[in-house]
Amino acid sequence: MEKITLSGMPEPMLQPLYARAKESQTHGAIHDDTAVRLVQQLNYNFDFSSKNAAMHIEPGPDGGLVILDDTTIYDMAIKILEEQKEK
């Protein structure tokens, strides 16, 4: 497979693409085969992106996506919900 090199695109714009591809390879909220294919074809080092363990994706309103770079509040909300279930 020939690698594609992009030019003139700010690096932060690649983060949502990588996040969609990463989420699609798990049992995540989305399944975007095109994002997976594009990430595989890009001549770009996504090492920094893959270390961002705090990135979380949820379905957003009207079919969009919500990407959280810092999941502190999300993690706290999940913990509260789990505690409520146990009561």
PDB file of N, CA and C in Angstrom:
ATOM      1  N   MET A   1       0.839  -1.167   0.000  1.00  0.00           N
ATOM      2  CA  MET A   1       0.000   0.000   0.000  1.00  0.00           C
ATOM      3  C   MET A   1       0.892   1.241   0.000  1.00  0.00           C
ATOM      4  N   GLU A   2       0.647   2.124  -0.923  1.00  0.00           N
ATOM      5  CA  GLU A   2       1.439   3.349  -1.018  1.00  0.00           C
ATOM      6  C   GLU A   2       1.009   4.328   0.062  1.00  0.00           C
ATOM      7  N   LYS A   3       1.986   4.902   0.771  1.00  0.00           N
ATOM      8  CA  LYS A   3       1.707   5.866   1.826  1.00  0.00           C
ATOM      9  C   LYS A   3       1.452   7.239   1.223  1.00  0.00           C
ATOM     10  N   ILE A   4       0.554   7.972   1.834  1.00  0.00           N
ATOM     11  CA  ILE A   4       0.188   9.310   1.388  1.00  0.00           C
ATOM     12  C   ILE A   4       0.817  10.320   2.344  1.00  0.00           C
ATOM     13  N   THR A   5       1.479  11.336   1.809  1.00  0.00           N
ATOM     14  CA  THR A   5       2.069  12.396   2.622  1.00  0.00           C
ATOM     15  C   THR A   5       1.252  13.664   2.427  1.00  0.00           C
ATOM     16  N   LEU A   6       0.760  14.213   3.516  1.00  0.00           N
ATOM     17  CA  LEU A   6      -0.026  15.441   3.457  1.00  0.00           C
ATOM     18  C   LEU A   6       0.878  16.635   3.682  1.00  0.00           C
ATOM     19  N   SER A   7       0.508  17.762   3.096  1.00  0.00           N
ATOM     20  CA  SER A   7       1.240  18.988   3.359  1.00  0.00           C
ATOM     21  C   SER A   7       0.236  20.119   3.504  1.00  0.00           C
ATOM     22  N   GLY A   8       0.577  21.074   4.345  1.00  0.00           N
ATOM     23  CA  GLY A   8      -0.284  22.236   4.527  1.00  0.00           C
ATOM     24  C   GLY A   8      -1.449  22.017   5.469  1.00  0.00           C
ATOM     25  N   MET A   9      -1.527  20.851   6.105  1.00  0.00           N
ATOM     26  CA  MET A   9      -2.622  20.590   7.032  1.00  0.00           C
ATOM     27  C   MET A   9      -2.095  20.688   8.459  1.00  0.00           C
ATOM     28  N   PRO A  10      -2.723  21.520   9.298  1.00  0.00           N
ATOM     29  CA  PRO A  10      -2.285  21.594  10.690  1.00  0.00           C
ATOM     30  C   PRO A  10      -2.444  20.235  11.385  1.00  0.00           C
ATOM     31  N   GLU A  11      -1.445  19.847  12.149  1.00  0.00           N
ATOM     32  CA  GLU A  11      -1.461  18.544  12.808  1.00  0.00           C
ATOM     33  C   GLU A  11      -2.692  18.311  13.687  1.00  0.00           C
ATOM     34  N   PRO A  12      -3.185  19.331  14.421  1.00  0.00           N
ATOM     35  CA  PRO A  12      -4.363  19.074  15.255  1.00  0.00           C
ATOM     36  C   PRO A  12      -5.584  18.590  14.470  1.00  0.00           C
ATOM     37  N   MET A  13      -5.616  18.875  13.185  1.00  0.00           N
ATOM     38  CA  MET A  13      -6.748  18.431  12.378  1.00  0.00           C
ATOM     39  C   MET A  13      -6.715  16.921  12.153  1.00  0.00           C
ATOM     40  N   LEU A  14      -5.562  16.293  12.346  1.00  0.00           N
ATOM     41  CA  LEU A  14      -5.458  14.849  12.180  1.00  0.00           C
ATOM     42  C   LEU A  14      -5.942  14.091  13.419  1.00  0.00           C
ATOM     43  N   GLN A  15      -6.005  14.761  14.560  1.00  0.00           N
ATOM     44  CA  GLN A  15      -6.390  14.090  15.798  1.00  0.00           C
ATOM     45  C   GLN A  15      -7.794  13.472  15.734  1.00  0.00           C
ATOM     46  N   PRO A  16      -8.813  14.197  15.241  1.00  0.00           N
ATOM     47  CA  PRO A  16     -10.133  13.571  15.152  1.00  0.00           C
ATOM     48  C   PRO A  16     -10.152  12.357  14.212  1.00  0.00           C
ATOM     49  N   LEU A  17      -9.393  12.435  13.117  1.00  0.00           N
ATOM     50  CA  LEU A  17      -9.316  11.298  12.198  1.00  0.00           C
ATOM     51  C   LEU A  17      -8.721  10.091  12.910  1.00  0.00           C
ATOM     52  N   TYR A  18      -7.607  10.313  13.616  1.00  0.00           N
ATOM     53  CA  TYR A  18      -6.967   9.218  14.353  1.00  0.00           C
ATOM     54  C   TYR A  18      -7.897   8.682  15.437  1.00  0.00           C
ATOM     55  N   ALA A  19      -8.581   9.577  16.131  1.00  0.00           N
ATOM     56  CA  ALA A  19      -9.501   9.152  17.196  1.00  0.00           C
ATOM     57  C   ALA A  19     -10.629   8.292  16.627  1.00  0.00           C
ATOM     58  N   ARG A  20     -11.167   8.676  15.484  1.00  0.00           N
ATOM     59  CA  ARG A  20     -12.229   7.879  14.848  1.00  0.00           C
ATOM     60  C   ARG A  20     -11.701   6.498  14.461  1.00  0.00           C
ATOM     61  N   ALA A  21     -10.495   6.461  13.907  1.00  0.00           N
ATOM     62  CA  ALA A  21      -9.913   5.178  13.496  1.00  0.00           C
ATOM     63  C   ALA A  21      -9.659   4.290  14.710  1.00  0.00           C
ATOM     64  N   LYS A  22      -9.099   4.876  15.766  1.00  0.00           N
ATOM     65  CA  LYS A  22      -8.792   4.112  16.977  1.00  0.00           C
ATOM     66  C   LYS A  22     -10.072   3.568  17.612  1.00  0.00           C
ATOM     67  N   GLU A  23     -11.097   4.414  17.694  1.00  0.00           N
ATOM     68  CA  GLU A  23     -12.374   3.996  18.280  1.00  0.00           C
ATOM     69  C   GLU A  23     -13.039   2.917  17.424  1.00  0.00           C
ATOM     70  N   SER A  24     -12.844   2.986  16.122  1.00  0.00           N
ATOM     71  CA  SER A  24     -13.454   2.018  15.211  1.00  0.00           C
ATOM     72  C   SER A  24     -12.839   0.630  15.329  1.00  0.00           C
ATOM     73  N   GLN A  25     -11.625   0.562  15.849  1.00  0.00           N
ATOM     74  CA  GLN A  25     -10.949  -0.729  15.963  1.00  0.00           C
ATOM     75  C   GLN A  25     -11.280  -1.443  17.274  1.00  0.00           C
ATOM     76  N   THR A  26     -12.134  -0.845  18.086  1.00  0.00           N
ATOM     77  CA  THR A  26     -12.579  -1.463  19.333  1.00  0.00           C
ATOM     78  C   THR A  26     -14.090  -1.644  19.246  1.00  0.00           C
ATOM     79  N   HIS A  27     -14.681  -1.962  20.345  1.00  0.00           N
ATOM     80  CA  HIS A  27     -16.149  -2.034  20.402  1.00  0.00           C
ATOM     81  C   HIS A  27     -16.670  -0.674  20.839  1.00  0.00           C
ATOM     82  N   GLY A  28     -16.213   0.357  20.163  1.00  0.00           N
ATOM     83  CA  GLY A  28     -16.504   1.727  20.553  1.00  0.00           C
ATOM     84  C   GLY A  28     -17.836   2.237  20.048  1.00  0.00           C
ATOM     85  N   ALA A  29     -17.989   3.536  20.202  1.00  0.00           N
ATOM     86  CA  ALA A  29     -19.241   4.197  19.859  1.00  0.00           C
ATOM     87  C   ALA A  29     -19.424   4.353  18.352  1.00  0.00           C
ATOM     88  N   ILE A  30     -18.326   4.317  17.606  1.00  0.00           N
ATOM     89  CA  ILE A  30     -18.423   4.506  16.158  1.00  0.00           C
ATOM     90  C   ILE A  30     -17.652   3.419  15.427  1.00  0.00           C
ATOM     91  N   HIS A  31     -17.982   3.278  14.161  1.00  0.00           N
ATOM     92  CA  HIS A  31     -17.281   2.337  13.286  1.00  0.00           C
ATOM     93  C   HIS A  31     -17.089   3.033  11.944  1.00  0.00           C
ATOM     94  N   ASP A  32     -15.872   3.515  11.728  1.00  0.00           N
ATOM     95  CA  ASP A  32     -15.561   4.283  10.528  1.00  0.00           C
ATOM     96  C   ASP A  32     -14.411   3.603   9.788  1.00  0.00           C
ATOM     97  N   ASP A  33     -14.764   2.720   8.879  1.00  0.00           N
ATOM     98  CA  ASP A  33     -13.744   1.989   8.116  1.00  0.00           C
ATOM     99  C   ASP A  33     -12.893   2.920   7.256  1.00  0.00           C
ATOM    100  N   THR A  34     -13.470   4.019   6.795  1.00  0.00           N
ATOM    101  CA  THR A  34     -12.716   4.972   5.987  1.00  0.00           C
ATOM    102  C   THR A  34     -11.617   5.630   6.820  1.00  0.00           C
ATOM    103  N   ALA A  35     -11.922   5.996   8.056  1.00  0.00           N
ATOM    104  CA  ALA A  35     -10.911   6.590   8.935  1.00  0.00           C
ATOM    105  C   ALA A  35      -9.776   5.599   9.188  1.00  0.00           C
ATOM    106  N   VAL A  36     -10.117   4.330   9.406  1.00  0.00           N
ATOM    107  CA  VAL A  36      -9.098   3.295   9.638  1.00  0.00           C
ATOM    108  C   VAL A  36      -8.192   3.192   8.422  1.00  0.00           C
ATOM    109  N   ARG A  37      -8.794   3.135   7.243  1.00  0.00           N
ATOM    110  CA  ARG A  37      -8.024   3.004   6.003  1.00  0.00           C
ATOM    111  C   ARG A  37      -7.124   4.218   5.778  1.00  0.00           C
ATOM    112  N   LEU A  38      -7.659   5.424   6.023  1.00  0.00           N
ATOM    113  CA  LEU A  38      -6.870   6.636   5.817  1.00  0.00           C
ATOM    114  C   LEU A  38      -5.678   6.711   6.771  1.00  0.00           C
ATOM    115  N   VAL A  39      -5.887   6.358   8.029  1.00  0.00           N
ATOM    116  CA  VAL A  39      -4.788   6.384   9.002  1.00  0.00           C
ATOM    117  C   VAL A  39      -3.708   5.387   8.591  1.00  0.00           C
ATOM    118  N   GLN A  40      -4.123   4.237   8.079  1.00  0.00           N
ATOM    119  CA  GLN A  40      -3.151   3.236   7.635  1.00  0.00           C
ATOM    120  C   GLN A  40      -2.355   3.730   6.426  1.00  0.00           C
ATOM    121  N   GLN A  41      -2.973   4.552   5.594  1.00  0.00           N
ATOM    122  CA  GLN A  41      -2.323   5.019   4.371  1.00  0.00           C
ATOM    123  C   GLN A  41      -1.489   6.278   4.562  1.00  0.00           C
ATOM    124  N   LEU A  42      -1.742   7.027   5.619  1.00  0.00           N
ATOM    125  CA  LEU A  42      -1.025   8.285   5.805  1.00  0.00           C
ATOM    126  C   LEU A  42       0.410   8.058   6.245  1.00  0.00           C
ATOM    127  N   ASN A  43       1.308   8.793   5.657  1.00  0.00           N
ATOM    128  CA  ASN A  43       2.705   8.784   6.050  1.00  0.00           C
ATOM    129  C   ASN A  43       2.851   9.812   7.173  1.00  0.00           C
ATOM    130  N   TYR A  44       2.381   9.438   8.371  1.00  0.00           N
ATOM    131  CA  TYR A  44       2.372  10.341   9.511  1.00  0.00           C
ATOM    132  C   TYR A  44       2.629   9.526  10.769  1.00  0.00           C
ATOM    133  N   ASN A  45       3.416  10.065  11.667  1.00  0.00           N
ATOM    134  CA  ASN A  45       3.737   9.380  12.914  1.00  0.00           C
ATOM    135  C   ASN A  45       2.667   9.725  13.951  1.00  0.00           C
ATOM    136  N   PHE A  46       1.778   8.783  14.218  1.00  0.00           N
ATOM    137  CA  PHE A  46       0.698   8.984  15.173  1.00  0.00           C
ATOM    138  C   PHE A  46       1.095   8.537  16.585  1.00  0.00           C
ATOM    139  N   ASP A  47       2.386   8.345  16.852  1.00  0.00           N
ATOM    140  CA  ASP A  47       2.818   7.886  18.175  1.00  0.00           C
ATOM    141  C   ASP A  47       2.306   8.777  19.297  1.00  0.00           C
ATOM    142  N   PHE A  48       2.388  10.092  19.112  1.00  0.00           N
ATOM    143  CA  PHE A  48       1.918  11.001  20.154  1.00  0.00           C
ATOM    144  C   PHE A  48       0.422  10.814  20.390  1.00  0.00           C
ATOM    145  N   SER A  49      -0.334  10.657  19.317  1.00  0.00           N
ATOM    146  CA  SER A  49      -1.781  10.486  19.427  1.00  0.00           C
ATOM    147  C   SER A  49      -2.132   9.189  20.137  1.00  0.00           C
ATOM    148  N   SER A  50      -1.380   8.137  19.846  1.00  0.00           N
ATOM    149  CA  SER A  50      -1.712   6.847  20.443  1.00  0.00           C
ATOM    150  C   SER A  50      -1.406   6.812  21.932  1.00  0.00           C
ATOM    151  N   LYS A  51      -0.546   7.718  22.409  1.00  0.00           N
ATOM    152  CA  LYS A  51      -0.242   7.776  23.834  1.00  0.00           C
ATOM    153  C   LYS A  51      -1.265   8.595  24.603  1.00  0.00           C
ATOM    154  N   ASN A  52      -2.162   9.264  23.897  1.00  0.00           N
ATOM    155  CA  ASN A  52      -3.167  10.091  24.544  1.00  0.00           C
ATOM    156  C   ASN A  52      -4.295   9.202  25.045  1.00  0.00           C
ATOM    157  N   ALA A  53      -4.050   8.543  26.157  1.00  0.00           N
ATOM    158  CA  ALA A  53      -5.018   7.596  26.701  1.00  0.00           C
ATOM    159  C   ALA A  53      -6.274   8.293  27.196  1.00  0.00           C
ATOM    160  N   ALA A  54      -6.216   9.598  27.379  1.00  0.00           N
ATOM    161  CA  ALA A  54      -7.368  10.320  27.904  1.00  0.00           C
ATOM    162  C   ALA A  54      -8.398  10.637  26.830  1.00  0.00           C
ATOM    163  N   MET A  55      -8.096  10.368  25.577  1.00  0.00           N
ATOM    164  CA  MET A  55      -9.033  10.682  24.516  1.00  0.00           C
ATOM    165  C   MET A  55     -10.216   9.727  24.573  1.00  0.00           C
ATOM    166  N   HIS A  56     -11.403  10.278  24.540  1.00  0.00           N
ATOM    167  CA  HIS A  56     -12.614   9.475  24.608  1.00  0.00           C
ATOM    168  C   HIS A  56     -13.610  10.047  23.613  1.00  0.00           C
ATOM    169  N   ILE A  57     -14.321   9.169  22.928  1.00  0.00           N
ATOM    170  CA  ILE A  57     -15.290   9.589  21.920  1.00  0.00           C
ATOM    171  C   ILE A  57     -16.668   9.079  22.297  1.00  0.00           C
ATOM    172  N   GLU A  58     -17.657   9.942  22.168  1.00  0.00           N
ATOM    173  CA  GLU A  58     -19.046   9.583  22.409  1.00  0.00           C
ATOM    174  C   GLU A  58     -19.888  10.102  21.245  1.00  0.00           C
ATOM    175  N   PRO A  59     -20.993   9.407  20.946  1.00  0.00           N
ATOM    176  CA  PRO A  59     -21.893   9.953  19.932  1.00  0.00           C
ATOM    177  C   PRO A  59     -22.418  11.310  20.400  1.00  0.00           C
ATOM    178  N   GLY A  60     -22.414  12.271  19.531  1.00  0.00           N
ATOM    179  CA  GLY A  60     -22.892  13.600  19.883  1.00  0.00           C
ATOM    180  C   GLY A  60     -24.279  13.839  19.315  1.00  0.00           C
ATOM    181  N   PRO A  61     -24.783  15.051  19.489  1.00  0.00           N
ATOM    182  CA  PRO A  61     -26.113  15.363  18.967  1.00  0.00           C
ATOM    183  C   PRO A  61     -26.136  15.332  17.445  1.00  0.00           C
ATOM    184  N   ASP A  62     -27.247  14.947  16.908  1.00  0.00           N
ATOM    185  CA  ASP A  62     -27.455  14.916  15.457  1.00  0.00           C
ATOM    186  C   ASP A  62     -26.423  14.067  14.718  1.00  0.00           C
ATOM    187  N   GLY A  63     -25.943  12.982  15.349  1.00  0.00           N
ATOM    188  CA  GLY A  63     -25.031  12.059  14.693  1.00  0.00           C
ATOM    189  C   GLY A  63     -23.588  12.493  14.695  1.00  0.00           C
ATOM    190  N   GLY A  64     -23.275  13.603  15.329  1.00  0.00           N
ATOM    191  CA  GLY A  64     -21.893  14.066  15.395  1.00  0.00           C
ATOM    192  C   GLY A  64     -21.122  13.321  16.469  1.00  0.00           C
ATOM    193  N   LEU A  65     -19.915  13.763  16.729  1.00  0.00           N
ATOM    194  CA  LEU A  65     -19.064  13.146  17.744  1.00  0.00           C
ATOM    195  C   LEU A  65     -18.607  14.186  18.747  1.00  0.00           C
ATOM    196  N   VAL A  66     -18.437  13.731  19.970  1.00  0.00           N
ATOM    197  CA  VAL A  66     -17.853  14.561  21.011  1.00  0.00           C
ATOM    198  C   VAL A  66     -16.534  13.915  21.381  1.00  0.00           C
ATOM    199  N   ILE A  67     -15.433  14.647  21.243  1.00  0.00           N
ATOM    200  CA  ILE A  67     -14.107  14.129  21.582  1.00  0.00           C
ATOM    201  C   ILE A  67     -13.620  14.867  22.816  1.00  0.00           C
ATOM    202  N   LEU A  68     -13.338  14.110  23.864  1.00  0.00           N
ATOM    203  CA  LEU A  68     -12.852  14.684  25.111  1.00  0.00           C
ATOM    204  C   LEU A  68     -11.367  14.419  25.232  1.00  0.00           C
ATOM    205  N   ASP A  69     -10.570  15.481  25.321  1.00  0.00           N
ATOM    206  CA  ASP A  69      -9.136  15.318  25.525  1.00  0.00           C
ATOM    207  C   ASP A  69      -8.818  15.018  26.976  1.00  0.00           C
ATOM    208  N   ASP A  70      -9.637  15.540  27.882  1.00  0.00           N
ATOM    209  CA  ASP A  70      -9.436  15.317  29.306  1.00  0.00           C
ATOM    210  C   ASP A  70     -10.709  14.678  29.840  1.00  0.00           C
ATOM    211  N   THR A  71     -10.618  13.443  30.248  1.00  0.00           N
ATOM    212  CA  THR A  71     -11.815  12.707  30.668  1.00  0.00           C
ATOM    213  C   THR A  71     -12.055  12.749  32.163  1.00  0.00           C
ATOM    214  N   THR A  72     -11.437  13.682  32.877  1.00  0.00           N
ATOM    215  CA  THR A  72     -11.586  13.738  34.332  1.00  0.00           C
ATOM    216  C   THR A  72     -13.051  13.833  34.738  1.00  0.00           C
ATOM    217  N   ILE A  73     -13.781  14.771  34.156  1.00  0.00           N
ATOM    218  CA  ILE A  73     -15.189  14.944  34.520  1.00  0.00           C
ATOM    219  C   ILE A  73     -16.001  13.735  34.077  1.00  0.00           C
ATOM    220  N   TYR A  74     -15.738  13.224  32.890  1.00  0.00           N
ATOM    221  CA  TYR A  74     -16.428  12.035  32.400  1.00  0.00           C
ATOM    222  C   TYR A  74     -16.197  10.848  33.345  1.00  0.00           C
ATOM    223  N   ASP A  75     -14.945  10.635  33.739  1.00  0.00           N
ATOM    224  CA  ASP A  75     -14.619   9.521  34.636  1.00  0.00           C
ATOM    225  C   ASP A  75     -15.327   9.674  35.980  1.00  0.00           C
ATOM    226  N   MET A  76     -15.390  10.907  36.488  1.00  0.00           N
ATOM    227  CA  MET A  76     -16.091  11.140  37.751  1.00  0.00           C
ATOM    228  C   MET A  76     -17.583  10.851  37.607  1.00  0.00           C
ATOM    229  N   ALA A  77     -18.164  11.250  36.487  1.00  0.00           N
ATOM    230  CA  ALA A  77     -19.590  10.997  36.255  1.00  0.00           C
ATOM    231  C   ALA A  77     -19.870   9.504  36.180  1.00  0.00           C
ATOM    232  N   ILE A  78     -19.022   8.749  35.503  1.00  0.00           N
ATOM    233  CA  ILE A  78     -19.189   7.299  35.415  1.00  0.00           C
ATOM    234  C   ILE A  78     -19.106   6.677  36.811  1.00  0.00           C
ATOM    235  N   LYS A  79     -18.157   7.135  37.611  1.00  0.00           N
ATOM    236  CA  LYS A  79     -18.004   6.620  38.976  1.00  0.00           C
ATOM    237  C   LYS A  79     -19.258   6.888  39.800  1.00  0.00           C
ATOM    238  N   ILE A  80     -19.800   8.087  39.696  1.00  0.00           N
ATOM    239  CA  ILE A  80     -21.029   8.433  40.423  1.00  0.00           C
ATOM    240  C   ILE A  80     -22.185   7.548  39.980  1.00  0.00           C
ATOM    241  N   LEU A  81     -22.322   7.344  38.673  1.00  0.00           N
ATOM    242  CA  LEU A  81     -23.391   6.484  38.155  1.00  0.00           C
ATOM    243  C   LEU A  81     -23.249   5.058  38.635  1.00  0.00           C
ATOM    244  N   GLU A  82     -22.021   4.547  38.660  1.00  0.00           N
ATOM    245  CA  GLU A  82     -21.792   3.182  39.137  1.00  0.00           C
ATOM    246  C   GLU A  82     -22.120   3.066  40.626  1.00  0.00           C
ATOM    247  N   GLU A  83     -21.776   4.076  41.405  1.00  0.00           N
ATOM    248  CA  GLU A  83     -22.099   4.079  42.831  1.00  0.00           C
ATOM    249  C   GLU A  83     -23.612   4.111  43.040  1.00  0.00           C
ATOM    250  N   GLN A  84     -24.310   4.858  42.191  1.00  0.00           N
ATOM    251  CA  GLN A  84     -25.764   4.927  42.294  1.00  0.00           C
ATOM    252  C   GLN A  84     -26.415   3.587  41.973  1.00  0.00           C
ATOM    253  N   LYS A  85     -25.861   2.851  41.026  1.00  0.00           N
ATOM    254  CA  LYS A  85     -26.393   1.529  40.670  1.00  0.00           C
ATOM    255  C   LYS A  85     -26.248   0.539  41.835  1.00  0.00           C
ATOM    256  N   GLU A  86     -25.158   0.680  42.589  1.00  0.00           N
ATOM    257  CA  GLU A  86     -24.900  -0.238  43.690  1.00  0.00           C
ATOM    258  C   GLU A  86     -25.837  -0.017  44.868  1.00  0.00           C
ATOM    259  N   LYS A  87     -26.459   1.148  44.949  1.00  0.00           N
ATOM    260  CA  LYS A  87     -27.353   1.456  46.083  1.00  0.00           C
ATOM    261  C   LYS A  87     -28.719   0.845  45.921  1.00  0.00           C
TER     262      LYS A  87
END
